[in-house]
Amino acid sequence: MEIKEYIRTHKYCLLMLYFPVYLVAFFTIDKIPARYIIECSLDSFIGFNQYMVIPYFIWYPWFVGWLIFFLIRDKDDFIRLAVVMFSGMTICLIIYVLWPNGVDLREEITGTDICSRIVELIRAADTPYAVCPSIHISTIAAIQLAINDTKLPEIKPLVKLLCGAVTLLIAYSTMAIKQHSIVDVFWGAVLSIVLYYIYIICEKIFKRMLKEKEERI
């Protein structure tokens, strides 16, 4: 009963229902063979590092955790983050369908340590298709923008700085385990930055219009 009451009084939490829809769509689109291979000469300067699979996996609790945090702590921050993040994920999926792309960066893994084995499991489960823009990057970029802008007292400058370091580490890990090209990372970040500031502009316009309407009344 408490859950039903929470949903009734916090209807914006229903935005989280996007996840099952996204997962079904992604793992369907992820099977579409790439017609366009993403290449960049800078990728050759980033050597394979199996230990980077650790920050790569941090992404999962990171993006879910911050969504839940803002859902609980601040309605406006949550809605802003959810709209930007989910819009970016949707745009990525549409791009993958219209422009089937992938990477050809994977090299044979010779290590036998646990991190090497985990990378192999990731590669078995996740094809090298549907990579640009990177959803991994667009989501963490949206989170970092939300963290930087929030007025919540517990998110102090040091917390923002540490979160920025984690964001960069996760971004680097996608390239270090050869899941993404630097091109995917760049456009994933650009996508969220553009969407975020479009949202901010629209939000300001809406609030101004609302204020003007109230003043006329």
Protein backbone atom coordinates (compact mmCIF):
# COMPACT_ATOMS: atom_id res chain seq x y z
CA MET A 1 0.00 0.00 0.00
CA GLU A 2 2.85 2.39 0.77
CA ILE A 3 4.35 1.82 -2.70
CA LYS A 4 1.00 2.56 -4.36
CA GLU A 5 0.64 5.71 -2.30
CA TYR A 6 4.17 6.83 -3.20
CA ILE A 7 3.49 6.33 -6.91
CA ARG A 8 0.18 8.19 -6.59
CA THR A 9 1.87 11.19 -4.98
CA HIS A 10 5.08 10.98 -7.04
CA LYS A 11 3.83 10.16 -10.53
CA TYR A 12 7.09 11.30 -12.07
CA CYS A 13 8.70 8.09 -10.76
CA LEU A 14 6.84 6.30 -13.57
CA LEU A 15 9.57 7.59 -15.87
CA MET A 16 11.59 4.62 -14.60
CA LEU A 17 9.29 2.36 -16.62
CA TYR A 18 11.38 3.39 -19.60
CA PHE A 19 14.01 0.83 -18.58
CA PRO A 20 12.26 -2.41 -19.59
CA VAL A 21 11.27 -0.83 -22.91
CA TYR A 22 14.85 0.29 -23.49
CA LEU A 23 16.36 -3.10 -22.63
CA VAL A 24 14.09 -4.95 -25.05
CA ALA A 25 14.82 -2.43 -27.80
CA PHE A 26 18.58 -2.37 -27.22
CA PHE A 27 19.14 -6.12 -27.18
CA THR A 28 17.07 -6.41 -30.36
CA ILE A 29 18.90 -3.62 -32.19
CA ASP A 30 22.27 -4.85 -30.87
CA LYS A 31 21.95 -7.86 -33.16
CA ILE A 32 21.79 -5.76 -36.34
CA PRO A 33 25.13 -6.26 -38.18
CA ALA A 34 27.18 -3.11 -38.68
CA ARG A 35 27.26 -1.62 -42.16
CA TYR A 36 29.54 1.20 -41.07
CA ILE A 37 32.73 0.65 -39.06
CA ILE A 38 33.77 3.45 -36.73
CA GLU A 39 37.49 4.14 -37.07
CA CYS A 40 39.85 6.70 -35.57
CA SER A 41 43.64 6.73 -35.59
CA LEU A 42 43.66 7.89 -31.95
CA ASP A 43 42.25 4.52 -30.88
CA SER A 44 45.62 2.91 -31.59
CA PHE A 45 47.20 5.02 -28.84
CA ILE A 46 44.89 3.49 -26.24
CA GLY A 47 46.23 0.06 -25.33
CA PHE A 48 44.00 -2.77 -24.20
CA ASN A 49 43.81 -2.99 -20.41
CA GLN A 50 41.70 -5.78 -18.97
CA TYR A 51 41.72 -4.20 -15.50
CA MET A 52 39.67 -1.31 -16.86
CA VAL A 53 36.72 -3.70 -16.88
CA ILE A 54 36.31 -2.78 -13.20
CA PRO A 55 35.40 0.90 -13.81
CA TYR A 56 33.49 -0.27 -16.88
CA PHE A 57 31.20 -2.26 -14.59
CA ILE A 58 30.87 0.65 -12.17
CA TRP A 59 28.60 2.17 -14.82
CA TYR A 60 25.72 -0.16 -13.92
CA PRO A 61 25.26 0.81 -10.25
CA TRP A 62 26.41 4.35 -11.06
CA PHE A 63 23.64 5.35 -13.45
CA VAL A 64 20.88 3.45 -11.65
CA GLY A 65 22.09 4.70 -8.27
CA TRP A 66 22.10 8.38 -9.26
CA LEU A 67 18.65 8.13 -10.83
CA ILE A 68 17.29 6.66 -7.59
CA PHE A 69 19.16 9.27 -5.53
CA PHE A 70 17.63 12.19 -7.42
CA LEU A 71 14.23 10.46 -7.48
CA ILE A 72 14.27 10.40 -3.68
CA ARG A 73 15.95 13.75 -3.04
CA ASP A 74 14.74 16.24 -5.65
CA LYS A 75 11.86 16.10 -8.12
CA ASP A 76 13.21 18.72 -10.54
CA ASP A 77 16.71 17.22 -10.63
CA PHE A 78 15.27 13.76 -11.24
CA ILE A 79 12.94 14.82 -14.04
CA ARG A 80 15.69 16.81 -15.74
CA LEU A 81 18.13 13.90 -15.54
CA ALA A 82 15.58 11.28 -16.59
CA VAL A 83 14.34 13.28 -19.58
CA VAL A 84 17.86 14.07 -20.82
CA MET A 85 19.19 10.56 -20.20
CA PHE A 86 16.22 8.67 -21.65
CA SER A 87 15.95 11.01 -24.64
CA GLY A 88 19.63 10.43 -25.36
CA MET A 89 19.25 6.66 -25.10
CA THR A 90 16.27 6.76 -27.45
CA ILE A 91 18.10 8.91 -29.99
CA CYS A 92 21.03 6.49 -29.87
CA LEU A 93 18.72 3.55 -30.60
CA ILE A 94 17.17 5.39 -33.55
CA ILE A 95 20.65 6.17 -34.92
CA TYR A 96 21.67 2.51 -34.57
CA VAL A 97 18.68 1.48 -36.69
CA LEU A 98 19.07 4.16 -39.36
CA TRP A 99 22.87 3.99 -39.40
CA PRO A 100 23.95 0.47 -38.30
CA ASN A 101 27.47 0.97 -36.99
CA GLY A 102 30.09 -0.93 -35.07
CA VAL A 103 33.76 -1.15 -34.16
CA ASP A 104 36.52 -3.53 -35.19
CA LEU A 105 38.84 -2.97 -32.26
CA ARG A 106 38.72 -6.27 -30.44
CA GLU A 107 41.98 -8.17 -30.28
CA GLU A 108 42.53 -11.70 -29.04
CA ILE A 109 42.71 -11.83 -25.25
CA THR A 110 45.70 -13.88 -24.11
CA GLY A 111 45.49 -13.22 -20.38
CA THR A 112 44.03 -15.82 -18.03
CA ASP A 113 43.33 -13.56 -15.03
CA ILE A 114 39.81 -12.90 -13.78
CA CYS A 115 39.55 -9.48 -15.48
CA SER A 116 40.48 -10.99 -18.84
CA ARG A 117 37.81 -13.64 -18.37
CA ILE A 118 35.23 -10.98 -17.53
CA VAL A 119 36.07 -9.03 -20.69
CA GLU A 120 35.58 -12.22 -22.68
CA LEU A 121 32.17 -12.69 -21.09
CA ILE A 122 31.23 -9.11 -21.96
CA ARG A 123 32.25 -9.65 -25.56
CA ALA A 124 30.23 -12.85 -25.72
CA ALA A 125 27.11 -11.08 -24.44
CA ASP A 126 27.55 -7.70 -26.14
CA THR A 127 28.22 -7.48 -29.88
CA PRO A 128 30.57 -4.81 -31.28
CA TYR A 129 27.53 -3.27 -32.99
CA ALA A 130 25.34 -0.28 -32.06
CA VAL A 131 28.16 1.77 -30.59
CA CYS A 132 28.03 5.35 -31.87
CA PRO A 133 26.99 7.46 -30.07
CA SER A 134 27.87 5.51 -26.96
CA ILE A 135 24.97 5.03 -24.56
CA HIS A 136 27.54 4.20 -21.88
CA ILE A 137 28.91 7.72 -22.30
CA SER A 138 25.70 9.64 -22.93
CA THR A 139 24.26 8.37 -19.64
CA ILE A 140 27.28 9.23 -17.47
CA ALA A 141 27.58 12.63 -19.16
CA ALA A 142 23.95 13.37 -18.32
CA ILE A 143 24.54 12.29 -14.72
CA GLN A 144 27.63 14.48 -14.36
CA LEU A 145 25.78 17.51 -15.73
CA ALA A 146 22.98 16.90 -13.23
CA ILE A 147 25.48 16.52 -10.39
CA ASN A 148 27.24 19.74 -11.36
CA ASP A 149 23.98 21.71 -11.44
CA THR A 150 22.15 20.34 -8.41
CA LYS A 151 21.62 22.61 -5.41
CA LEU A 152 21.33 19.72 -2.95
CA PRO A 153 23.49 20.55 0.12
CA GLU A 154 25.05 17.09 0.34
CA ILE A 155 26.53 17.41 -3.15
CA LYS A 156 29.49 19.57 -2.18
CA PRO A 157 32.24 20.74 -4.59
CA LEU A 158 34.51 17.87 -3.52
CA VAL A 159 31.75 15.35 -4.26
CA LYS A 160 31.27 16.90 -7.70
CA LEU A 161 35.02 16.69 -8.33
CA LEU A 162 35.20 13.04 -7.28
CA CYS A 163 32.17 12.20 -9.41
CA GLY A 164 33.86 13.90 -12.35
CA ALA A 165 36.90 11.66 -11.85
CA VAL A 166 34.67 8.57 -11.82
CA THR A 167 32.94 9.77 -14.98
CA LEU A 168 36.26 10.17 -16.79
CA LEU A 169 37.44 6.77 -15.57
CA ILE A 170 34.30 5.05 -16.84
CA ALA A 171 34.65 6.85 -20.18
CA TYR A 172 38.27 5.75 -20.52
CA SER A 173 37.39 2.17 -19.59
CA THR A 174 35.05 1.83 -22.58
CA MET A 175 38.01 2.49 -24.86
CA ALA A 176 40.60 0.58 -22.84
CA ILE A 177 38.69 -2.70 -23.05
CA LYS A 178 37.99 -1.96 -26.73
CA GLN A 179 34.21 -1.77 -26.48
CA HIS A 180 34.15 1.70 -27.99
CA SER A 181 36.12 4.03 -30.21
CA ILE A 182 37.02 7.54 -29.09
CA VAL A 183 34.52 8.66 -31.76
CA ASP A 184 31.69 6.89 -29.91
CA VAL A 185 32.77 8.50 -26.65
CA PHE A 186 32.93 11.98 -28.16
CA TRP A 187 29.47 11.87 -29.74
CA GLY A 188 27.93 10.23 -26.69
CA ALA A 189 29.12 13.16 -24.56
CA VAL A 190 28.08 15.78 -27.14
CA LEU A 191 24.60 14.27 -27.37
CA SER A 192 23.92 14.61 -23.65
CA ILE A 193 25.45 18.09 -23.42
CA VAL A 194 23.23 19.34 -26.26
CA LEU A 195 20.10 17.69 -24.84
CA TYR A 196 20.84 18.98 -21.35
CA TYR A 197 21.10 22.61 -22.38
CA ILE A 198 18.07 22.33 -24.65
CA TYR A 199 16.16 21.13 -21.59
CA ILE A 200 17.53 23.98 -19.47
CA ILE A 201 16.49 26.58 -22.08
CA CYS A 202 13.01 25.06 -22.45
CA GLU A 203 12.65 24.90 -18.66
CA LYS A 204 13.51 28.60 -18.31
CA ILE A 205 11.10 29.58 -21.08
CA PHE A 206 8.30 27.55 -19.51
CA LYS A 207 8.89 29.06 -16.05
CA ARG A 208 8.94 32.56 -17.52
CA MET A 209 5.67 31.94 -19.34
CA LEU A 210 4.12 30.52 -16.18
CA LYS A 211 5.27 33.52 -14.15
CA GLU A 212 3.87 35.96 -16.72
CA LYS A 213 0.56 34.10 -16.72
CA GLU A 214 0.36 34.29 -12.90
CA GLU A 215 1.14 38.03 -12.97
CA ARG A 216 -1.68 38.67 -15.44
CA ILE A 217 -4.06 36.82 -13.17
